[in-house]
Amino acid sequence: MKRPQGFDPSAHPEREPESGPSPSGADGPGDGAGSPSGLRSRFAALRLPGSSAARPDRQSSDEPSTTAEEARIDPGVDRSDLDDQGRTTGSRAARPAEPVRLATVDSSRDEARRRALEARRASRRASRQRRRVERLEVRRFTRRSRHRRATWVAVGVVALLLGASVGVAVFSPLLSLQTITVDGADRVDAAAVQEAVDDQIGTPLARIDFDRITRELEAFPLIASYVTETAPPHTLVIRITERQPIATVADGDAFDLVDPAGIVVQSLDARPEGVPSVDVGGTALDGTPFRASAEVLLALPAALRTTVDQVTASTADDVTLTLTTGQRVVWGSAEHSDRKAEVLAGLMADQASRDAGASVEYDVSAPDNGIIRPI
């Protein structure tokens, strides 16, 4: 049989045939050169061109190879030294694995010291935490107590000041009445008013008897109303409003100035100018004729009121005005006086445009139908 090219019989000696029965069952060499198993052994040992035997940079078949799995297991093998089949190449030697360094084991005494040190540290931390919590609690409770104490102190101070103020104002002579001032007095004698109320001198301002002052001022008929005002520390101010006369009423040889309520404000020997006289036929000043006359005078405009010379009324429905020009005005009752005053002003303007010097009578008793009559 022809040997294949490259076959080296010295490198691959023939295996001795093993003793045993032959495939045919006869005695003889069972694995000889011509047997199938011998042929397989021979062909397995062949190195064809292009194999690892023909390449000088590859590892020879006699050198041990290392697979990738073994490289992963061995930490000393670098992955860059592996070939395509996972075997280490022969050109670079595997680096030796570094020795494993084992941690030293503390002895029982060192372990006990370490645990004792950690226990002391934990105890100190717990103690600091406890002291911190205690300080916070103490601060919280003391802050609340301080606030409560401050509140009670403030309330006490306010109550004390209020009580002291009331005591000074009511019982102390520091705020007693020493001066009485009267404002608004024209016809009223201010000195008489002060003398009437001077019995309050020396009384604390908070304890002045104003009811008594009212009774004392009622004796002055010219005072229509009044207002009192205390001006600490020692002054009482009385502001009075006097009665204003609206007409004069003859009383014998004298003339009494009366206000709209029929109160005599002042008695004069002569009739004052600019104040109309009222003739109510001898009736009382608090009767309906005088009240109707006073209401008519109050309804007139101020410019027209100054031109009225006399008002006559026997009843409440026959009020008649006599002007300083000699003209008369039939007013009637005091009802609708404002409307009648507007109608009268229109009639007088119309008469002045036609004949201002004529003596006429204006009838406004029916305000919807004013009449002008010659006298």
Protein backbone atom coordinates (compact mmCIF):
# COMPACT_ATOMS: atom_id res chain seq x y z
CA MET A 1 0.00 0.00 0.00
CA LYS A 2 1.30 3.42 -0.97
CA ARG A 3 2.06 5.70 1.94
CA PRO A 4 0.63 9.17 1.89
CA GLN A 5 2.91 12.12 1.30
CA GLY A 6 4.46 13.44 4.50
CA PHE A 7 3.97 10.27 6.42
CA ASP A 8 6.80 9.69 8.90
CA PRO A 9 6.93 6.14 10.18
CA SER A 10 9.52 7.00 12.85
CA ALA A 11 7.34 9.65 14.39
CA HIS A 12 4.32 7.43 14.42
CA PRO A 13 5.34 3.88 15.24
CA GLU A 14 2.85 1.23 14.57
CA ARG A 15 0.79 0.07 17.45
CA GLU A 16 1.20 -3.48 18.41
CA PRO A 17 -1.82 -5.46 17.67
CA GLU A 18 -3.80 -6.21 20.71
CA SER A 19 -4.55 -9.76 21.42
CA GLY A 20 -8.13 -10.67 21.06
CA PRO A 21 -10.50 -12.23 18.73
CA SER A 22 -10.56 -10.96 15.24
CA PRO A 23 -13.62 -9.56 13.65
CA SER A 24 -14.03 -12.84 11.84
CA GLY A 25 -13.62 -14.75 15.08
CA ALA A 26 -10.26 -16.31 14.06
CA ASP A 27 -7.09 -16.13 16.09
CA GLY A 28 -4.60 -13.54 14.78
CA PRO A 29 -3.83 -9.89 14.95
CA GLY A 30 -7.14 -8.06 15.41
CA ASP A 31 -5.74 -4.50 15.04
CA GLY A 32 -3.07 -4.88 12.45
CA ALA A 33 -2.01 -2.48 9.80
CA GLY A 34 -4.69 -3.69 7.50
CA SER A 35 -7.49 -3.67 10.07
CA PRO A 36 -9.93 -0.74 10.15
CA SER A 37 -8.88 0.39 13.63
CA GLY A 38 -5.22 0.38 12.62
CA LEU A 39 -5.99 2.41 9.54
CA ARG A 40 -7.89 4.94 11.59
CA SER A 41 -4.94 5.27 13.95
CA ARG A 42 -2.57 5.74 11.05
CA PHE A 43 -4.72 8.37 9.31
CA ALA A 44 -5.26 10.26 12.57
CA ALA A 45 -1.50 10.64 12.94
CA LEU A 46 -1.06 12.10 9.46
CA ARG A 47 -0.33 15.85 9.08
CA LEU A 48 -1.50 17.17 5.77
CA PRO A 49 -0.12 20.33 4.14
CA GLY A 50 -1.77 23.44 5.68
CA SER A 51 -2.11 21.79 9.09
CA SER A 52 -0.45 22.88 12.32
CA ALA A 53 2.68 20.87 11.51
CA ALA A 54 3.32 22.88 8.36
CA ARG A 55 2.92 26.29 10.14
CA PRO A 56 5.90 27.34 12.25
CA ASP A 57 3.99 29.96 14.25
CA ARG A 58 1.54 27.47 15.60
CA GLN A 59 2.12 25.29 18.63
CA SER A 60 3.31 21.81 17.91
CA SER A 61 1.23 18.78 18.65
CA ASP A 62 3.59 17.76 21.44
CA GLU A 63 3.03 21.11 23.36
CA PRO A 64 0.10 21.19 25.71
CA SER A 65 -2.79 23.47 24.66
CA THR A 66 -5.13 25.42 26.88
CA THR A 67 -8.76 25.95 25.94
CA ALA A 68 -10.78 29.11 26.53
CA GLU A 69 -12.67 27.44 29.33
CA GLU A 70 -9.37 26.66 31.05
CA ALA A 71 -8.20 30.26 30.46
CA ARG A 72 -11.32 31.52 32.15
CA ILE A 73 -10.69 29.26 35.07
CA ASP A 74 -6.98 30.13 35.36
CA PRO A 75 -6.64 33.85 36.21
CA GLY A 76 -2.98 33.90 35.09
CA VAL A 77 -3.81 33.41 31.38
CA ASP A 78 -4.27 36.55 29.32
CA ARG A 79 -7.15 36.37 26.81
CA SER A 80 -5.02 38.03 24.15
CA ASP A 81 -2.78 34.87 24.15
CA LEU A 82 -5.64 32.62 22.97
CA ASP A 83 -5.97 31.58 19.34
CA ASP A 84 -9.15 31.16 17.32
CA GLN A 85 -9.80 27.73 18.87
CA GLY A 86 -9.36 29.05 22.40
CA ARG A 87 -5.89 27.54 22.89
CA THR A 88 -2.90 29.47 24.20
CA THR A 89 -0.21 30.19 21.68
CA GLY A 90 3.32 29.22 22.20
CA SER A 91 4.78 32.62 21.37
CA ARG A 92 3.67 34.19 24.70
CA ALA A 93 3.98 32.47 28.02
CA ALA A 94 1.13 32.56 30.49
CA ARG A 95 1.57 35.02 33.30
CA PRO A 96 1.56 33.47 36.73
CA ALA A 97 -1.51 34.05 38.87
CA GLU A 98 -1.14 36.53 41.70
CA PRO A 99 -1.36 35.00 45.14
CA VAL A 100 -4.61 35.42 47.01
CA ARG A 101 -4.24 37.67 49.98
CA LEU A 102 -6.26 36.57 52.97
CA ALA A 103 -7.44 39.10 55.54
CA THR A 104 -5.91 38.64 58.87
CA VAL A 105 -8.31 37.40 61.45
CA ASP A 106 -8.49 39.45 64.61
CA SER A 107 -7.77 37.69 67.72
CA SER A 108 -10.44 37.34 70.40
CA ARG A 109 -8.84 40.14 72.44
CA ASP A 110 -8.81 42.59 69.52
CA GLU A 111 -12.39 41.68 68.69
CA ALA A 112 -13.42 42.30 72.29
CA ARG A 113 -11.67 45.68 72.30
CA ARG A 114 -13.30 46.65 69.04
CA ARG A 115 -16.75 45.71 70.31
CA ALA A 116 -16.18 47.55 73.57
CA LEU A 117 -15.10 50.66 71.66
CA GLU A 118 -18.18 50.50 69.44
CA ALA A 119 -20.38 50.03 72.52
CA ARG A 120 -18.83 53.07 74.20
CA ARG A 121 -19.36 55.13 71.06
CA ALA A 122 -22.98 54.01 70.78
CA SER A 123 -23.50 54.83 74.45
CA ARG A 124 -22.05 58.31 74.00
CA ARG A 125 -24.24 58.90 70.95
CA ALA A 126 -27.33 57.75 72.83
CA SER A 127 -26.40 59.97 75.77
CA ARG A 128 -25.94 63.01 73.53
CA GLN A 129 -29.24 62.30 71.80
CA ARG A 130 -30.99 61.94 75.15
CA ARG A 131 -29.52 65.20 76.44
CA ARG A 132 -30.53 66.96 73.22
CA VAL A 133 -34.11 65.71 73.54
CA GLU A 134 -34.20 66.70 77.20
CA ARG A 135 -32.97 70.20 76.36
CA LEU A 136 -35.60 70.54 73.65
CA GLU A 137 -38.33 69.42 76.00
CA VAL A 138 -37.15 71.73 78.77
CA ARG A 139 -36.92 74.61 76.32
CA ARG A 140 -40.39 73.88 74.99
CA PHE A 141 -41.99 73.72 78.40
CA THR A 142 -40.08 76.72 79.70
CA ARG A 143 -41.04 78.72 76.57
CA ARG A 144 -44.69 77.88 77.13
CA SER A 145 -44.46 78.78 80.78
CA ARG A 146 -42.65 82.02 79.91
CA HIS A 147 -45.36 82.95 77.43
CA ARG A 148 -48.05 82.12 79.95
CA ARG A 149 -46.25 84.09 82.61
CA ALA A 150 -45.76 87.06 80.26
CA THR A 151 -49.44 86.98 79.33
CA TRP A 152 -50.54 87.03 82.95
CA VAL A 153 -48.07 89.79 83.72
CA ALA A 154 -49.36 91.88 80.81
CA VAL A 155 -52.97 91.33 81.88
CA GLY A 156 -52.09 92.27 85.42
CA VAL A 157 -50.28 95.42 84.31
CA VAL A 158 -53.20 96.49 82.11
CA ALA A 159 -55.69 95.84 84.88
CA LEU A 160 -53.52 97.74 87.34
CA LEU A 161 -53.17 100.70 84.98
CA LEU A 162 -56.88 100.69 84.25
CA GLY A 163 -57.74 100.56 87.92
CA ALA A 164 -55.27 103.34 88.67
CA SER A 165 -56.72 105.47 85.88
CA VAL A 166 -60.26 104.94 87.11
CA GLY A 167 -59.20 105.70 90.65
CA VAL A 168 -57.43 108.89 89.63
CA ALA A 169 -60.32 110.00 87.43
CA VAL A 170 -63.08 109.26 89.94
CA PHE A 171 -61.60 109.90 93.36
CA SER A 172 -58.40 111.88 92.90
CA PRO A 173 -58.47 115.72 92.95
CA LEU A 174 -55.90 115.65 90.15
CA LEU A 175 -58.79 115.74 87.63
CA SER A 176 -61.24 117.90 89.56
CA LEU A 177 -63.33 120.73 88.09
CA GLN A 178 -61.79 124.13 88.56
CA THR A 179 -62.84 126.18 85.49
CA ILE A 180 -66.27 126.63 83.80
CA THR A 181 -66.37 128.15 80.31
CA VAL A 182 -69.60 129.32 78.58
CA ASP A 183 -69.60 129.60 74.74
CA GLY A 184 -72.33 130.97 72.44
CA ALA A 185 -73.84 133.46 74.89
CA ASP A 186 -75.16 136.65 73.31
CA ARG A 187 -78.37 137.65 75.04
CA VAL A 188 -77.73 135.21 77.86
CA ASP A 189 -75.54 136.40 80.72
CA ALA A 190 -72.51 134.07 80.72
CA ALA A 191 -71.56 135.07 84.26
CA ALA A 192 -75.04 134.09 85.46
CA VAL A 193 -74.66 130.69 83.84
CA GLN A 194 -71.28 130.13 85.49
CA GLU A 195 -72.67 131.15 88.86
CA ALA A 196 -75.56 128.74 88.43
CA VAL A 197 -73.28 125.75 88.03
CA ASP A 198 -70.31 126.76 90.20
CA ASP A 199 -71.40 124.40 92.96
CA GLN A 200 -69.72 121.65 90.88
CA ILE A 201 -66.31 123.22 91.44
CA GLY A 202 -63.92 120.75 93.09
CA THR A 203 -65.80 117.69 91.88
CA PRO A 204 -63.77 115.17 89.81
CA LEU A 205 -64.70 115.44 86.15
CA ALA A 206 -65.94 111.87 86.07
CA ARG A 207 -68.38 112.55 88.92
CA ILE A 208 -69.98 115.79 87.70
CA ASP A 209 -73.77 115.76 88.14
CA PHE A 210 -75.04 116.67 84.67
CA ASP A 211 -78.69 116.22 85.65
CA ARG A 212 -78.24 118.96 88.20
CA ILE A 213 -76.66 121.21 85.55
CA THR A 214 -79.70 120.61 83.32
CA ARG A 215 -82.10 121.65 86.08
CA GLU A 216 -80.06 124.79 86.74
CA LEU A 217 -79.93 125.83 83.06
CA GLU A 218 -83.68 125.42 82.63
CA ALA A 219 -84.04 128.68 84.53
CA PHE A 220 -82.65 130.53 81.49
CA PRO A 221 -85.50 130.82 78.92
CA LEU A 222 -83.18 132.23 76.25
CA ILE A 223 -81.22 128.98 76.14
CA ALA A 224 -82.78 126.80 73.46
CA SER A 225 -80.26 123.95 73.94
CA TYR A 226 -76.80 123.33 75.32
CA VAL A 227 -73.91 120.85 75.13
CA THR A 228 -71.40 120.15 77.89
CA GLU A 229 -67.85 118.98 77.29
CA THR A 230 -65.14 118.11 79.78
CA ALA A 231 -61.62 119.24 78.96
CA PRO A 232 -59.18 117.51 81.31
CA PRO A 233 -57.65 118.13 83.61
CA HIS A 234 -59.80 120.89 85.18
CA THR A 235 -62.22 122.47 82.67
CA LEU A 236 -65.94 122.14 81.89
CA VAL A 237 -67.16 123.79 78.66
CA ILE A 238 -70.87 124.66 78.22
CA ARG A 239 -71.87 125.50 74.64
CA ILE A 240 -75.33 127.03 74.52
CA THR A 241 -77.68 127.80 71.62
CA GLU A 242 -79.85 130.84 72.26
CA ARG A 243 -83.43 131.23 71.15
CA GLN A 244 -83.74 133.39 68.05
CA PRO A 245 -86.67 135.84 67.97
CA ILE A 246 -88.89 135.63 64.94
CA ALA A 247 -91.42 138.36 65.75
CA THR A 248 -92.42 141.01 68.25
CA VAL A 249 -95.61 141.07 70.24
CA ALA A 250 -96.93 144.29 71.78
CA ASP A 251 -97.34 144.09 75.54
CA GLY A 252 -98.74 147.43 76.63
CA ASP A 253 -96.10 150.00 76.00
CA ALA A 254 -93.33 147.39 75.61
CA PHE A 255 -92.48 144.94 72.88
CA ASP A 256 -91.56 141.34 73.55
CA LEU A 257 -89.23 139.46 71.23
CA VAL A 258 -90.60 135.92 70.84
CA ASP A 259 -89.21 132.81 69.16
CA PRO A 260 -91.23 130.34 67.04
CA ALA A 261 -92.29 128.50 70.22
CA GLY A 262 -93.80 131.71 71.70
CA ILE A 263 -91.07 132.09 74.31
CA VAL A 264 -90.29 135.69 75.17
CA VAL A 265 -86.64 136.17 74.41
CA GLN A 266 -86.32 139.76 75.42
CA SER A 267 -88.53 142.72 76.34
CA LEU A 268 -87.82 146.10 74.75
CA ASP A 269 -89.28 149.55 75.12
CA ALA A 270 -89.33 150.14 71.34
CA ARG A 271 -90.00 147.86 68.43
CA PRO A 272 -86.75 146.81 66.76
CA GLU A 273 -86.39 147.30 63.02
CA GLY A 274 -86.42 144.33 60.70
CA VAL A 275 -88.53 142.19 63.04
CA PRO A 276 -92.22 141.80 62.01
CA SER A 277 -94.97 142.26 64.59
CA VAL A 278 -97.61 139.62 65.18
CA ASP A 279 -101.19 140.46 66.13
CA VAL A 280 -103.14 137.39 67.23
CA GLY A 281 -106.14 139.28 68.61
CA GLY A 282 -105.17 138.92 72.23
CA THR A 283 -104.86 135.11 72.17
CA ALA A 284 -102.05 133.39 74.02
CA LEU A 285 -98.71 132.96 72.42
CA ASP A 286 -98.94 129.20 72.75
CA GLY A 287 -102.26 129.12 70.80
CA THR A 288 -102.86 127.98 67.22
CA PRO A 289 -103.07 131.51 65.68
CA PHE A 290 -99.54 132.38 66.80
CA ARG A 291 -98.20 128.95 65.82
CA ALA A 292 -99.72 129.28 62.32
CA SER A 293 -98.24 132.81 61.99
CA ALA A 294 -94.80 131.61 63.09
CA GLU A 295 -94.92 128.67 60.65
CA VAL A 296 -95.77 131.05 57.79
CA LEU A 297 -92.87 133.35 58.68
CA LEU A 298 -90.44 130.42 58.79
CA ALA A 299 -91.61 129.24 55.32
CA LEU A 300 -90.83 132.60 53.70
CA PRO A 301 -87.43 133.13 52.05
CA ALA A 302 -85.06 135.26 54.12
CA ALA A 303 -85.17 138.13 51.56
CA LEU A 304 -88.98 138.18 51.61
CA ARG A 305 -89.21 137.81 55.37
CA THR A 306 -87.36 141.09 55.90
CA THR A 307 -90.09 142.89 53.85
CA VAL A 308 -92.92 141.70 56.14
CA ASP A 309 -94.12 144.44 58.46
CA GLN A 310 -97.06 142.78 60.24
CA VAL A 311 -98.76 139.41 60.56
CA THR A 312 -102.39 139.20 61.64
CA ALA A 313 -104.32 136.04 62.43
CA SER A 314 -107.51 135.49 64.41
CA THR A 315 -107.64 131.78 63.61
CA ALA A 316 -105.28 129.25 62.13
CA ASP A 317 -106.82 129.61 58.64
CA ASP A 318 -106.80 133.39 58.07
CA VAL A 319 -103.16 134.43 58.23
CA THR A 320 -102.55 137.74 56.42
CA LEU A 321 -99.25 139.45 55.77
CA THR A 322 -98.69 143.19 55.33
CA LEU A 323 -95.52 144.17 53.50
CA THR A 324 -93.44 147.29 54.02
CA THR A 325 -94.50 148.46 50.52
CA GLY A 326 -98.17 148.52 51.56
CA GLN A 327 -99.09 145.38 49.65
CA ARG A 328 -100.98 142.56 51.35
CA VAL A 329 -100.74 138.78 51.09
CA VAL A 330 -103.71 136.55 51.87
CA TRP A 331 -102.04 133.36 53.05
CA GLY A 332 -104.80 131.34 54.60
CA SER A 333 -103.68 128.35 56.66
CA ALA A 334 -100.15 127.23 57.28
CA GLU A 335 -100.62 124.14 55.07
CA HIS A 336 -98.52 123.95 51.90
CA SER A 337 -96.56 127.01 53.04
CA ASP A 338 -93.54 126.11 50.90
CA ARG A 339 -95.67 125.88 47.75
CA LYS A 340 -97.44 129.14 48.61
CA ALA A 341 -94.09 130.90 49.06
CA GLU A 342 -93.04 129.83 45.52
CA VAL A 343 -96.34 131.05 44.04
CA LEU A 344 -96.04 134.37 45.89
CA ALA A 345 -92.54 134.96 44.55
CA GLY A 346 -93.80 134.38 40.99
CA LEU A 347 -96.75 136.75 41.42
CA MET A 348 -94.58 139.50 42.85
CA ALA A 349 -92.10 139.17 39.98
CA ASP A 350 -94.92 139.39 37.47
CA GLN A 351 -96.41 142.47 39.16
CA ALA A 352 -93.02 144.16 39.34
CA SER A 353 -92.57 143.69 35.60
CA ARG A 354 -95.90 145.40 34.90
CA ASP A 355 -96.37 148.05 37.63
CA ALA A 356 -94.09 147.87 40.61
CA GLY A 357 -95.63 150.87 42.44
CA ALA A 358 -99.26 149.72 42.35
CA SER A 359 -100.98 148.69 45.59
CA VAL A 360 -102.20 145.14 45.12
CA GLU A 361 -103.19 142.12 47.15
CA TYR A 362 -101.74 138.69 46.47
CA ASP A 363 -104.00 135.74 47.27
CA VAL A 364 -102.13 132.44 47.63
CA SER A 365 -104.59 130.69 49.92
CA ALA A 366 -105.15 128.28 47.01
CA PRO A 367 -101.57 127.58 45.81
CA ASP A 368 -102.77 126.15 42.50
CA ASN A 369 -104.55 129.41 41.60
CA GLY A 370 -102.69 132.55 42.65
CA ILE A 371 -104.59 135.83 42.31
CA ILE A 372 -103.50 139.46 42.15
CA ARG A 373 -106.16 142.03 43.22
CA PRO A 374 -105.84 145.76 43.29
CA ILE A 375 -106.46 147.43 46.64
